[in-house]
């Protein structure tokens, strides 16, 4: 009887050891590659306050980096295209009052910008019925 218990215990230990050695080690599993896409496009803005507003609007999940250059009026965004579409990036910026080459900010949001941040030459350009 004791011999049977010893053999069962021995087989159980051997089974556990063999399973442990056949499981893949976390060292052998390659991490999923992170998908990153970089895009640049024009955004209307004038000053450091615009830069901060635009970059803050892009501080979202799926966006790794966003830099707005005041001198060139260009934003460069590194993002995960599996989480966000390009048009969503344009919309995020327009929602805080800045026009892009694909999406225009609403008049209500644009008019709420500080005077130093207003970039439109003709305020009637996006008047009622036009936007």
Protein backbone atom coordinates (compact mmCIF):
# COMPACT_ATOMS: atom_id res chain seq x y z
CA UNK A 1 0.00 0.00 0.00
CA UNK A 2 2.81 2.38 0.88
CA UNK A 3 4.60 1.52 -2.33
CA UNK A 4 1.47 2.43 -4.32
CA UNK A 5 1.23 5.85 -2.57
CA UNK A 6 4.91 6.53 -3.19
CA UNK A 7 4.56 5.63 -6.87
CA UNK A 8 1.46 7.84 -7.26
CA UNK A 9 3.24 10.75 -5.61
CA UNK A 10 6.32 10.19 -7.79
CA UNK A 11 4.22 10.11 -10.99
CA UNK A 12 2.40 13.28 -9.92
CA UNK A 13 5.71 15.09 -9.35
CA UNK A 14 7.08 13.89 -12.71
CA UNK A 15 3.85 15.03 -14.42
CA UNK A 16 4.06 18.50 -12.89
CA UNK A 17 7.72 18.87 -13.83
CA UNK A 18 7.13 17.73 -17.44
CA UNK A 19 4.20 20.17 -17.87
CA UNK A 20 6.29 23.02 -16.44
CA UNK A 21 9.06 22.39 -18.98
CA UNK A 22 6.71 22.14 -21.95
CA UNK A 23 4.82 25.40 -21.28
CA UNK A 24 6.13 28.33 -23.31
CA UNK A 25 8.23 30.70 -21.31
CA UNK A 26 7.29 34.36 -21.27
CA UNK A 27 10.81 35.02 -22.52
CA UNK A 28 10.06 33.09 -25.72
CA UNK A 29 6.82 34.91 -26.55
CA UNK A 30 7.38 37.96 -28.74
CA UNK A 31 5.34 41.00 -27.73
CA UNK A 32 2.77 42.25 -30.19
CA UNK A 33 4.26 44.97 -32.34
CA UNK A 34 2.80 48.40 -31.65
CA UNK A 35 1.15 49.91 -34.69
CA UNK A 36 2.27 53.48 -35.27
CA UNK A 37 1.50 55.85 -38.09
CA UNK A 38 2.79 59.40 -38.44
CA UNK A 39 0.77 62.06 -40.22
CA UNK A 40 1.15 65.81 -40.71
CA UNK A 41 -1.46 68.32 -41.83
CA UNK A 42 -2.23 72.03 -41.65
CA UNK A 43 -4.08 73.47 -38.66
CA UNK A 44 -5.02 77.12 -38.27
CA UNK A 45 -3.58 78.72 -35.14
CA UNK A 46 -1.62 81.78 -34.07
CA UNK A 47 0.10 81.53 -30.73
CA UNK A 48 1.43 79.42 -27.87
CA UNK A 49 -2.08 79.21 -26.41
CA UNK A 50 -3.30 77.69 -29.71
CA UNK A 51 -0.40 75.22 -29.62
CA UNK A 52 -1.30 74.11 -26.11
CA UNK A 53 -5.01 73.80 -26.95
CA UNK A 54 -4.33 71.73 -30.10
CA UNK A 55 -1.81 69.42 -28.41
CA UNK A 56 -4.10 68.95 -25.39
CA UNK A 57 -7.01 68.04 -27.69
CA UNK A 58 -4.80 65.29 -29.11
CA UNK A 59 -3.72 63.93 -25.72
CA UNK A 60 -5.96 60.87 -26.05
CA UNK A 61 -5.70 57.08 -25.94
CA UNK A 62 -4.23 55.83 -29.22
CA UNK A 63 -2.17 58.98 -29.82
CA UNK A 64 1.49 58.59 -28.89
CA UNK A 65 2.73 62.06 -29.75
CA UNK A 66 1.32 65.31 -31.16
CA UNK A 67 3.34 68.44 -31.88
CA UNK A 68 1.97 71.65 -33.36
CA UNK A 69 4.42 74.02 -35.05
CA UNK A 70 3.13 77.60 -34.90
CA UNK A 71 5.46 78.91 -37.63
CA UNK A 72 4.47 76.31 -40.24
CA UNK A 73 0.87 75.84 -38.97
CA UNK A 74 1.46 72.08 -39.19
CA UNK A 75 0.63 69.41 -36.66
CA UNK A 76 2.53 66.11 -36.65
CA UNK A 77 0.79 63.21 -34.95
CA UNK A 78 2.03 59.70 -34.22
CA UNK A 79 -0.94 57.44 -33.53
CA UNK A 80 -2.31 53.89 -33.63
CA UNK A 81 -4.39 53.51 -36.81
CA UNK A 82 -6.14 50.47 -35.35
CA UNK A 83 -7.66 52.71 -32.65
CA UNK A 84 -8.22 55.97 -34.54
CA UNK A 85 -8.96 57.08 -38.07
CA UNK A 86 -7.37 60.17 -39.62
CA UNK A 87 -10.67 62.05 -39.77
CA UNK A 88 -11.06 61.61 -36.00
CA UNK A 89 -7.80 63.52 -35.50
CA UNK A 90 -9.16 66.40 -37.62
CA UNK A 91 -12.42 66.35 -35.64
CA UNK A 92 -10.61 66.46 -32.27
CA UNK A 93 -8.82 69.62 -33.37
CA UNK A 94 -11.93 71.25 -34.86
CA UNK A 95 -13.85 70.57 -31.64
CA UNK A 96 -11.51 72.94 -29.77
CA UNK A 97 -11.88 75.73 -32.36
CA UNK A 98 -9.18 75.17 -34.96
CA UNK A 99 -9.77 74.57 -38.67
CA UNK A 100 -7.89 71.82 -40.48
CA UNK A 101 -7.74 71.17 -44.21
CA UNK A 102 -10.53 68.56 -43.79
CA UNK A 103 -12.73 69.82 -40.94
CA UNK A 104 -13.76 73.38 -40.02
CA UNK A 105 -14.47 74.36 -36.42
CA UNK A 106 -18.02 75.46 -35.68
CA UNK A 107 -18.64 79.21 -35.35
CA UNK A 108 -19.76 78.78 -31.76
CA UNK A 109 -16.49 77.15 -30.72
CA UNK A 110 -14.37 79.47 -32.87
CA UNK A 111 -16.01 82.61 -31.43
CA UNK A 112 -15.24 81.38 -27.89
CA UNK A 113 -11.48 81.44 -28.61
CA UNK A 114 -9.45 84.28 -27.09
CA UNK A 115 -8.92 87.17 -29.55
CA UNK A 116 -5.24 86.31 -29.98
CA UNK A 117 -6.24 82.86 -31.24
CA UNK A 118 -8.70 84.00 -33.92
CA UNK A 119 -7.17 83.29 -37.31
CA UNK A 120 -10.05 83.70 -39.78
CA UNK A 121 -9.68 86.74 -42.03
CA UNK A 122 -13.37 87.07 -42.79
CA UNK A 123 -15.70 86.25 -39.90
CA UNK A 124 -18.59 85.80 -42.35
CA UNK A 125 -16.65 83.06 -44.19
CA UNK A 126 -18.29 80.40 -42.00
CA UNK A 127 -21.44 82.32 -41.15
CA UNK A 128 -24.94 80.96 -40.56
CA UNK A 129 -26.04 78.50 -43.20
CA UNK A 130 -22.46 77.96 -44.38
CA UNK A 131 -21.34 75.75 -41.52
